[in-house]
């Protein structure tokens, strides 16, 4: 994926998690296709597991992509927010 001025400032977001056929050469199981978008760019990935587990894994990827996009300062801010949220529980 190549960032252009039109999409560089847009954040990544999880747009779907849908059941799919087992990919060729992979073990049978519950497979899902997830799609992550940044503007018009779409990243598709496949993962086996429960819908909940696949969604959680894809959301973690989204978080990592957004942290990487924003740089070290944003990573520190997001980590601080995560710690504050965990402390409230």
N, C-alpha and C. Protein backbone atom coordinates (compact mmCIF):
# COMPACT_ATOMS: atom_id res chain seq x y z
N UNK A 1 0.84 -1.16 0.00
CA UNK A 1 0.00 0.00 0.00
C UNK A 1 0.89 1.23 0.00
N UNK A 2 0.54 2.18 -0.79
CA UNK A 2 1.34 3.39 -0.93
C UNK A 2 0.53 4.58 -0.45
N UNK A 3 1.06 5.35 0.47
CA UNK A 3 0.36 6.53 0.96
C UNK A 3 0.49 7.66 -0.03
N UNK A 4 -0.61 8.30 -0.31
CA UNK A 4 -0.63 9.48 -1.16
C UNK A 4 -1.18 10.62 -0.32
N UNK A 5 -1.01 11.86 -0.76
CA UNK A 5 -1.54 12.97 0.03
C UNK A 5 -3.02 12.84 0.34
N UNK A 6 -3.78 12.18 -0.52
CA UNK A 6 -5.23 12.09 -0.30
C UNK A 6 -5.61 11.11 0.81
N UNK A 7 -4.76 10.14 1.13
CA UNK A 7 -5.14 9.19 2.17
C UNK A 7 -4.16 9.12 3.33
N UNK A 8 -3.07 9.83 3.27
CA UNK A 8 -2.03 9.73 4.29
C UNK A 8 -2.54 10.10 5.68
N UNK A 9 -3.41 11.09 5.75
CA UNK A 9 -3.90 11.55 7.04
C UNK A 9 -5.06 10.73 7.58
N UNK A 10 -5.57 9.80 6.80
CA UNK A 10 -6.71 8.99 7.25
C UNK A 10 -6.23 7.83 8.11
N UNK A 11 -6.99 7.52 9.14
CA UNK A 11 -6.63 6.42 10.03
C UNK A 11 -7.10 5.08 9.43
N UNK A 12 -6.53 4.02 9.95
CA UNK A 12 -6.94 2.67 9.57
C UNK A 12 -8.15 2.29 10.40
N UNK A 13 -9.06 1.52 9.83
CA UNK A 13 -10.21 1.04 10.58
C UNK A 13 -10.62 -0.34 10.07
N UNK A 14 -11.11 -1.15 10.99
CA UNK A 14 -11.63 -2.47 10.64
C UNK A 14 -13.02 -2.26 10.05
N UNK A 15 -13.22 -2.75 8.81
CA UNK A 15 -14.52 -2.55 8.17
C UNK A 15 -15.37 -3.81 8.11
N UNK A 16 -14.74 -4.99 8.15
CA UNK A 16 -15.56 -6.21 8.13
C UNK A 16 -14.77 -7.43 8.58
N UNK A 17 -15.52 -8.39 9.11
CA UNK A 17 -15.01 -9.72 9.44
C UNK A 17 -16.10 -10.68 8.97
N UNK A 18 -15.81 -11.45 7.90
CA UNK A 18 -16.84 -12.32 7.32
C UNK A 18 -16.33 -13.75 7.19
N UNK A 19 -17.22 -14.72 7.41
CA UNK A 19 -16.83 -16.12 7.23
C UNK A 19 -16.39 -16.37 5.78
N UNK A 20 -15.44 -17.26 5.61
CA UNK A 20 -14.95 -17.57 4.27
C UNK A 20 -14.55 -19.04 4.18
N UNK A 21 -14.32 -19.49 2.99
CA UNK A 21 -13.85 -20.87 2.76
C UNK A 21 -12.43 -21.01 3.28
N UNK A 22 -12.06 -22.24 3.62
CA UNK A 22 -10.69 -22.52 4.05
C UNK A 22 -9.75 -22.23 2.89
N UNK A 23 -8.72 -21.39 3.09
CA UNK A 23 -7.77 -21.11 2.02
C UNK A 23 -7.04 -22.39 1.59
N UNK A 24 -6.67 -22.46 0.33
CA UNK A 24 -5.98 -23.63 -0.23
C UNK A 24 -4.72 -23.93 0.57
N UNK A 25 -4.54 -25.20 0.90
CA UNK A 25 -3.35 -25.64 1.61
C UNK A 25 -3.38 -25.43 3.11
N UNK A 26 -4.49 -24.91 3.62
CA UNK A 26 -4.59 -24.66 5.06
C UNK A 26 -5.50 -25.70 5.71
N UNK A 27 -5.33 -25.88 7.02
CA UNK A 27 -6.17 -26.81 7.76
C UNK A 27 -7.61 -26.33 7.80
N UNK A 28 -8.54 -27.28 7.74
CA UNK A 28 -9.94 -26.91 7.86
C UNK A 28 -10.19 -26.28 9.22
N UNK A 29 -11.18 -25.44 9.28
CA UNK A 29 -11.53 -24.77 10.52
C UNK A 29 -12.50 -23.65 10.23
N UNK A 30 -12.73 -22.83 11.21
CA UNK A 30 -13.57 -21.65 11.03
C UNK A 30 -12.68 -20.52 10.54
N UNK A 31 -12.78 -20.20 9.27
CA UNK A 31 -11.96 -19.15 8.67
C UNK A 31 -12.77 -17.90 8.43
N UNK A 32 -12.10 -16.77 8.61
CA UNK A 32 -12.72 -15.46 8.39
C UNK A 32 -11.79 -14.61 7.55
N UNK A 33 -12.39 -13.76 6.75
CA UNK A 33 -11.66 -12.74 6.01
C UNK A 33 -11.95 -11.41 6.71
N UNK A 34 -10.90 -10.68 7.06
CA UNK A 34 -11.11 -9.35 7.64
C UNK A 34 -10.59 -8.31 6.65
N UNK A 35 -11.23 -7.16 6.66
CA UNK A 35 -10.82 -6.06 5.80
C UNK A 35 -10.56 -4.83 6.65
N UNK A 36 -9.40 -4.23 6.42
CA UNK A 36 -8.99 -3.02 7.09
C UNK A 36 -8.86 -1.95 6.01
N UNK A 37 -9.44 -0.79 6.27
CA UNK A 37 -9.40 0.29 5.28
C UNK A 37 -8.63 1.48 5.81
N UNK A 38 -7.97 2.15 4.89
CA UNK A 38 -7.41 3.48 5.12
C UNK A 38 -7.82 4.28 3.89
N UNK A 39 -8.89 5.03 4.04
CA UNK A 39 -9.45 5.71 2.88
C UNK A 39 -9.91 4.69 1.86
N UNK A 40 -9.46 4.82 0.62
CA UNK A 40 -9.85 3.90 -0.45
C UNK A 40 -9.00 2.64 -0.47
N UNK A 41 -7.92 2.61 0.30
CA UNK A 41 -7.05 1.43 0.34
C UNK A 41 -7.64 0.37 1.26
N UNK A 42 -7.65 -0.87 0.80
CA UNK A 42 -8.18 -1.99 1.58
C UNK A 42 -7.09 -3.04 1.76
N UNK A 43 -6.93 -3.49 2.99
CA UNK A 43 -6.04 -4.61 3.31
C UNK A 43 -6.95 -5.77 3.69
N UNK A 44 -6.78 -6.91 3.02
CA UNK A 44 -7.55 -8.12 3.33
C UNK A 44 -6.63 -9.14 3.97
N UNK A 45 -7.13 -9.79 5.00
CA UNK A 45 -6.37 -10.84 5.67
C UNK A 45 -7.28 -12.00 6.00
N UNK A 46 -6.69 -13.16 6.25
CA UNK A 46 -7.44 -14.37 6.57
C UNK A 46 -6.89 -14.94 7.86
N UNK A 47 -7.82 -15.43 8.68
CA UNK A 47 -7.41 -16.00 9.97
C UNK A 47 -8.45 -17.03 10.40
N UNK A 48 -7.99 -18.06 11.07
CA UNK A 48 -8.94 -19.06 11.59
C UNK A 48 -9.17 -18.79 13.07
N UNK A 49 -10.31 -19.27 13.55
CA UNK A 49 -10.65 -19.10 14.95
C UNK A 49 -12.10 -18.69 15.08
N UNK A 50 -12.47 -18.28 16.26
CA UNK A 50 -13.83 -17.79 16.46
C UNK A 50 -13.93 -16.38 15.88
N UNK A 51 -15.14 -15.95 15.59
CA UNK A 51 -15.34 -14.60 15.06
C UNK A 51 -14.79 -13.57 16.05
N UNK A 52 -15.03 -13.81 17.34
CA UNK A 52 -14.58 -12.89 18.39
C UNK A 52 -13.05 -12.79 18.39
N UNK A 53 -12.37 -13.94 18.30
CA UNK A 53 -10.90 -13.95 18.32
C UNK A 53 -10.32 -13.29 17.07
N UNK A 54 -10.91 -13.55 15.92
CA UNK A 54 -10.43 -12.95 14.68
C UNK A 54 -10.64 -11.44 14.72
N UNK A 55 -11.80 -11.01 15.21
CA UNK A 55 -12.07 -9.58 15.32
C UNK A 55 -11.08 -8.90 16.25
N UNK A 56 -10.80 -9.52 17.38
CA UNK A 56 -9.84 -8.96 18.34
C UNK A 56 -8.44 -8.86 17.71
N UNK A 57 -8.03 -9.90 16.98
CA UNK A 57 -6.71 -9.88 16.34
C UNK A 57 -6.65 -8.79 15.27
N UNK A 58 -7.71 -8.65 14.49
CA UNK A 58 -7.74 -7.62 13.45
C UNK A 58 -7.74 -6.22 14.06
N UNK A 59 -8.45 -6.04 15.17
CA UNK A 59 -8.46 -4.73 15.85
C UNK A 59 -7.08 -4.40 16.41
N UNK A 60 -6.36 -5.42 16.85
CA UNK A 60 -4.99 -5.19 17.33
C UNK A 60 -4.10 -4.74 16.17
N UNK A 61 -4.27 -5.36 15.01
CA UNK A 61 -3.51 -4.95 13.82
C UNK A 61 -3.82 -3.50 13.47
N UNK A 62 -5.10 -3.14 13.51
CA UNK A 62 -5.51 -1.76 13.23
C UNK A 62 -4.82 -0.80 14.19
N UNK A 63 -4.82 -1.14 15.47
CA UNK A 63 -4.14 -0.29 16.45
C UNK A 63 -2.66 -0.13 16.15
N UNK A 64 -2.00 -1.22 15.79
CA UNK A 64 -0.58 -1.16 15.48
C UNK A 64 -0.32 -0.32 14.23
N UNK A 65 -1.17 -0.47 13.22
CA UNK A 65 -1.00 0.33 12.00
C UNK A 65 -1.18 1.81 12.29
N UNK A 66 -2.16 2.15 13.11
CA UNK A 66 -2.38 3.56 13.44
C UNK A 66 -1.24 4.12 14.30
N UNK A 67 -0.72 3.32 15.22
CA UNK A 67 0.41 3.76 16.02
C UNK A 67 1.63 4.01 15.12
N UNK A 68 1.86 3.10 14.20
CA UNK A 68 3.01 3.23 13.29
C UNK A 68 2.85 4.47 12.41
N UNK A 69 1.63 4.70 11.96
CA UNK A 69 1.35 5.84 11.07
C UNK A 69 1.61 7.16 11.79
N UNK A 70 1.31 7.21 13.08
CA UNK A 70 1.42 8.45 13.83
C UNK A 70 2.79 8.67 14.46
N UNK A 71 3.61 7.64 14.55
CA UNK A 71 4.96 7.80 15.08
C UNK A 71 5.07 7.54 16.56
N UNK A 72 6.25 7.72 17.10
CA UNK A 72 6.56 7.40 18.49
C UNK A 72 5.74 8.22 19.48
N UNK A 73 5.53 9.49 19.21
CA UNK A 73 4.79 10.34 20.14
C UNK A 73 3.37 9.80 20.32
N UNK A 74 2.74 9.45 19.22
CA UNK A 74 1.37 8.91 19.29
C UNK A 74 1.36 7.58 20.01
N UNK A 75 2.38 6.76 19.80
CA UNK A 75 2.46 5.47 20.47
C UNK A 75 2.50 5.67 21.98
N UNK A 76 3.26 6.64 22.44
CA UNK A 76 3.35 6.91 23.88
C UNK A 76 2.01 7.41 24.42
N UNK A 77 1.34 8.26 23.67
CA UNK A 77 0.03 8.78 24.09
C UNK A 77 -0.99 7.65 24.16
N UNK A 78 -1.01 6.78 23.13
CA UNK A 78 -1.95 5.66 23.11
C UNK A 78 -1.67 4.68 24.24
N UNK A 79 -0.40 4.43 24.53
CA UNK A 79 -0.04 3.52 25.62
C UNK A 79 -0.50 4.09 26.95
N UNK A 80 -0.34 5.39 27.14
CA UNK A 80 -0.79 6.04 28.36
C UNK A 80 -2.31 5.91 28.52
N UNK A 81 -3.03 6.07 27.41
CA UNK A 81 -4.50 5.94 27.44
C UNK A 81 -4.91 4.51 27.77
N UNK A 82 -4.20 3.52 27.22
CA UNK A 82 -4.49 2.11 27.51
C UNK A 82 -4.30 1.82 29.01
N UNK A 83 -3.21 2.34 29.57
CA UNK A 83 -2.92 2.12 30.99
C UNK A 83 -4.00 2.77 31.85
N UNK A 84 -4.43 3.98 31.49
CA UNK A 84 -5.48 4.66 32.25
C UNK A 84 -6.79 3.90 32.18
N UNK A 85 -7.11 3.36 31.01
CA UNK A 85 -8.34 2.57 30.84
C UNK A 85 -8.28 1.30 31.67
N UNK A 86 -7.12 0.63 31.68
CA UNK A 86 -6.96 -0.60 32.45
C UNK A 86 -7.05 -0.32 33.95
N UNK A 87 -6.57 0.83 34.39
CA UNK A 87 -6.61 1.19 35.80
C UNK A 87 -8.04 1.42 36.28
N UNK A 88 -8.93 1.87 35.38
CA UNK A 88 -10.31 2.13 35.74
C UNK A 88 -11.11 0.86 35.94
N UNK A 89 -10.66 -0.25 35.36
CA UNK A 89 -11.40 -1.52 35.44
C UNK A 89 -11.34 -2.12 36.81
